[in-house]
C-alpha atoms as a PDB file:
ATOM      1  CA  MET A   1       0.159  -0.027   0.003  1.00  0.00           C
ATOM      2  CA  ALA A   2       1.482   3.357  -0.879  1.00  0.00           C
ATOM      3  CA  ALA A   3       2.084   6.199   1.653  1.00  0.00           C
ATOM      4  CA  PRO A   4      -0.389   8.837   1.682  1.00  0.00           C
ATOM      5  CA  LYS A   5       0.483  11.983  -0.326  1.00  0.00           C
ATOM      6  CA  GLY A   6       2.425  14.673   1.631  1.00  0.00           C
ATOM      7  CA  ASN A   7       4.214  12.185   3.965  1.00  0.00           C
ATOM      8  CA  LYS A   8       7.780  13.036   3.239  1.00  0.00           C
ATOM      9  CA  TYR A   9       9.051  10.407   5.651  1.00  0.00           C
ATOM     10  CA  ALA A  10       7.464   7.509   4.108  1.00  0.00           C
ATOM     11  CA  GLY A  11      10.016   4.615   3.414  1.00  0.00           C
ATOM     12  CA  SER A  12      13.586   5.149   4.375  1.00  0.00           C
ATOM     13  CA  ARG A  13      14.827   8.660   4.825  1.00  0.00           C
ATOM     14  CA  LYS A  14      18.023   9.857   3.395  1.00  0.00           C
ATOM     15  CA  GLY A  15      21.063   9.152   5.524  1.00  0.00           C
ATOM     16  CA  ILE A  16      19.516   6.215   7.569  1.00  0.00           C
ATOM     17  CA  PRO A  17      21.654   2.994   7.113  1.00  0.00           C
ATOM     18  CA  ASN A  18      20.139  -0.190   5.832  1.00  0.00           C
ATOM     19  CA  LYS A  19      20.393  -2.655   8.709  1.00  0.00           C
ATOM     20  CA  ILE A  20      20.208  -5.796   6.463  1.00  0.00           C
ATOM     21  CA  THR A  21      23.118  -4.303   4.066  1.00  0.00           C
ATOM     22  CA  GLN A  22      25.194  -3.661   7.084  1.00  0.00           C
ATOM     23  CA  ASP A  23      24.568  -7.061   8.713  1.00  0.00           C
ATOM     24  CA  LEU A  24      25.393  -8.706   5.400  1.00  0.00           C
ATOM     25  CA  LYS A  25      28.533  -6.539   5.065  1.00  0.00           C
ATOM     26  CA  ASP A  26      29.645  -7.602   8.585  1.00  0.00           C
ATOM     27  CA  PHE A  27      28.970 -11.217   7.921  1.00  0.00           C
ATOM     28  CA  TYR A  28      30.961 -11.245   4.651  1.00  0.00           C
ATOM     29  CA  LYS A  29      34.063  -9.275   6.485  1.00  0.00           C
ATOM     30  CA  GLU A  30      34.126 -12.040   9.203  1.00  0.00           C
ATOM     31  CA  LEU A  31      33.954 -14.662   6.630  1.00  0.00           C
ATOM     32  CA  LEU A  32      36.788 -13.309   4.649  1.00  0.00           C
ATOM     33  CA  GLU A  33      38.818 -12.707   7.771  1.00  0.00           C
ATOM     34  CA  GLY A  34      38.770 -16.298   8.711  1.00  0.00           C
ATOM     35  CA  GLU A  35      39.926 -17.124   5.035  1.00  0.00           C
ATOM     36  CA  THR A  36      42.962 -14.854   4.917  1.00  0.00           C
ATOM     37  CA  GLU A  37      45.735 -17.646   4.965  1.00  0.00           C
ATOM     38  CA  ASN A  38      43.766 -19.694   2.246  1.00  0.00           C
ATOM     39  CA  ILE A  39      43.235 -16.481  -0.016  1.00  0.00           C
ATOM     40  CA  LYS A  40      47.060 -15.867   0.348  1.00  0.00           C
ATOM     41  CA  SER A  41      47.850 -19.354  -0.440  1.00  0.00           C
ATOM     42  CA  ALA A  42      45.741 -19.529  -3.442  1.00  0.00           C
ATOM     43  CA  LEU A  43      47.071 -16.157  -4.971  1.00  0.00           C
ATOM     44  CA  LYS A  44      50.574 -17.420  -4.337  1.00  0.00           C
ATOM     45  CA  ASP A  45      49.671 -20.533  -6.208  1.00  0.00           C
ATOM     46  CA  LEU A  46      47.990 -18.494  -9.068  1.00  0.00           C
ATOM     47  CA  PHE A  47      51.043 -16.268  -9.348  1.00  0.00           C
ATOM     48  CA  GLU A  48      53.380 -19.225  -9.650  1.00  0.00           C
ATOM     49  CA  ASP A  49      51.077 -20.850 -12.350  1.00  0.00           C
ATOM     50  CA  ASP A  50      50.139 -17.569 -14.313  1.00  0.00           C
ATOM     51  CA  ALA A  51      51.320 -14.230 -13.422  1.00  0.00           C
ATOM     52  CA  GLN A  52      48.831 -12.515 -15.792  1.00  0.00           C
ATOM     53  CA  LYS A  53      45.839 -14.305 -14.166  1.00  0.00           C
ATOM     54  CA  TYR A  54      47.239 -13.362 -10.746  1.00  0.00           C
ATOM     55  CA  LEU A  55      47.521  -9.682 -11.683  1.00  0.00           C
ATOM     56  CA  MET A  56      43.814  -9.969 -12.948  1.00  0.00           C
ATOM     57  CA  ALA A  57      42.686 -11.478  -9.755  1.00  0.00           C
ATOM     58  CA  VAL A  58      44.396  -8.885  -7.718  1.00  0.00           C
ATOM     59  CA  ASP A  59      42.718  -6.044  -9.805  1.00  0.00           C
ATOM     60  CA  LYS A  60      39.469  -7.742  -9.250  1.00  0.00           C
ATOM     61  CA  ILE A  61      40.069  -7.860  -5.471  1.00  0.00           C
ATOM     62  CA  SER A  62      41.304  -4.249  -5.509  1.00  0.00           C
ATOM     63  CA  GLN A  63      37.903  -3.103  -7.237  1.00  0.00           C
ATOM     64  CA  LYS A  64      35.927  -4.415  -4.281  1.00  0.00           C
ATOM     65  CA  VAL A  65      38.218  -2.793  -1.609  1.00  0.00           C
ATOM     66  CA  VAL A  66      39.459   0.602  -3.100  1.00  0.00           C
ATOM     67  CA  PRO A  67      36.619   2.896  -4.055  1.00  0.00           C
ATOM     68  CA  ASN A  68      36.201   4.275  -7.594  1.00  0.00           C
ATOM     69  CA  LYS A  69      37.629   7.692  -8.022  1.00  0.00           C
ATOM     70  CA  LYS A  70      35.337  10.260  -9.520  1.00  0.00           C
ATOM     71  CA  ASP A  71      36.255  13.208 -11.597  1.00  0.00           C
ATOM     72  CA  ILE A  72      34.655  16.291 -10.041  1.00  0.00           C
ATOM     73  CA  THR A  73      35.026  18.146 -13.488  1.00  0.00           C
ATOM     74  CA  SER A  74      32.888  15.581 -15.381  1.00  0.00           C
ATOM     75  CA  ASP A  75      29.682  15.620 -13.364  1.00  0.00           C
ATOM     76  CA  GLY A  76      30.289  12.657 -11.253  1.00  0.00           C
ATOM     77  CA  GLU A  77      30.966  10.197 -14.272  1.00  0.00           C
ATOM     78  CA  SER A  78      33.416   7.425 -13.435  1.00  0.00           C
ATOM     79  CA  ILE A  79      37.155   8.043 -14.564  1.00  0.00           C
ATOM     80  CA  ALA A  80      38.255   5.500 -17.148  1.00  0.00           C
ATOM     81  CA  PRO A  81      41.098   3.152 -16.161  1.00  0.00           C
ATOM     82  CA  THR A  82      44.419   4.531 -16.878  1.00  0.00           C
ATOM     83  CA  ILE A  83      46.605   1.529 -16.320  1.00  0.00           C
ATOM     84  CA  ASN A  84      47.249  -1.122 -18.919  1.00  0.00           C
ATOM     85  CA  ILE A  85      49.141  -4.090 -18.081  1.00  0.00           C
ATOM     86  CA  SER A  86      50.549  -6.132 -20.928  1.00  0.00           C
ATOM     87  CA  GLU A  87      53.124  -9.142 -20.893  1.00  0.00           C
ATOM     88  CA  ASN A  88      55.915  -9.133 -23.435  1.00  0.00           C
ATOM     89  CA  ARG A  89      57.785 -12.374 -23.193  1.00  0.00           C
ATOM     90  CA  THR A  90      60.975 -13.144 -25.067  1.00  0.00           C
ATOM     91  CA  LYS A  91      62.142 -16.696 -25.581  1.00  0.00           C
ATOM     92  CA  SER A  92      65.873 -17.350 -25.299  1.00  0.00           C
END
């Protein structure tokens, strides 16, 4: 059922944290903290097997941890990535 017209406080108000979202973030944080050694080991194995896949995995993890930068001169649009990683191998 819709809130009556004129009720500006219907639903969630701006700035009020979502309890379920916070609970889920806390649960996921605890889960990952318990897996730190396994994650380190898996990344080490991945690096030894394929350095390029390792770098891609680290990049994906970083995207979840480090916030995206916003260019304040472009009306809040995301800044395009500026780092390109390529692998040049020469066989001897």
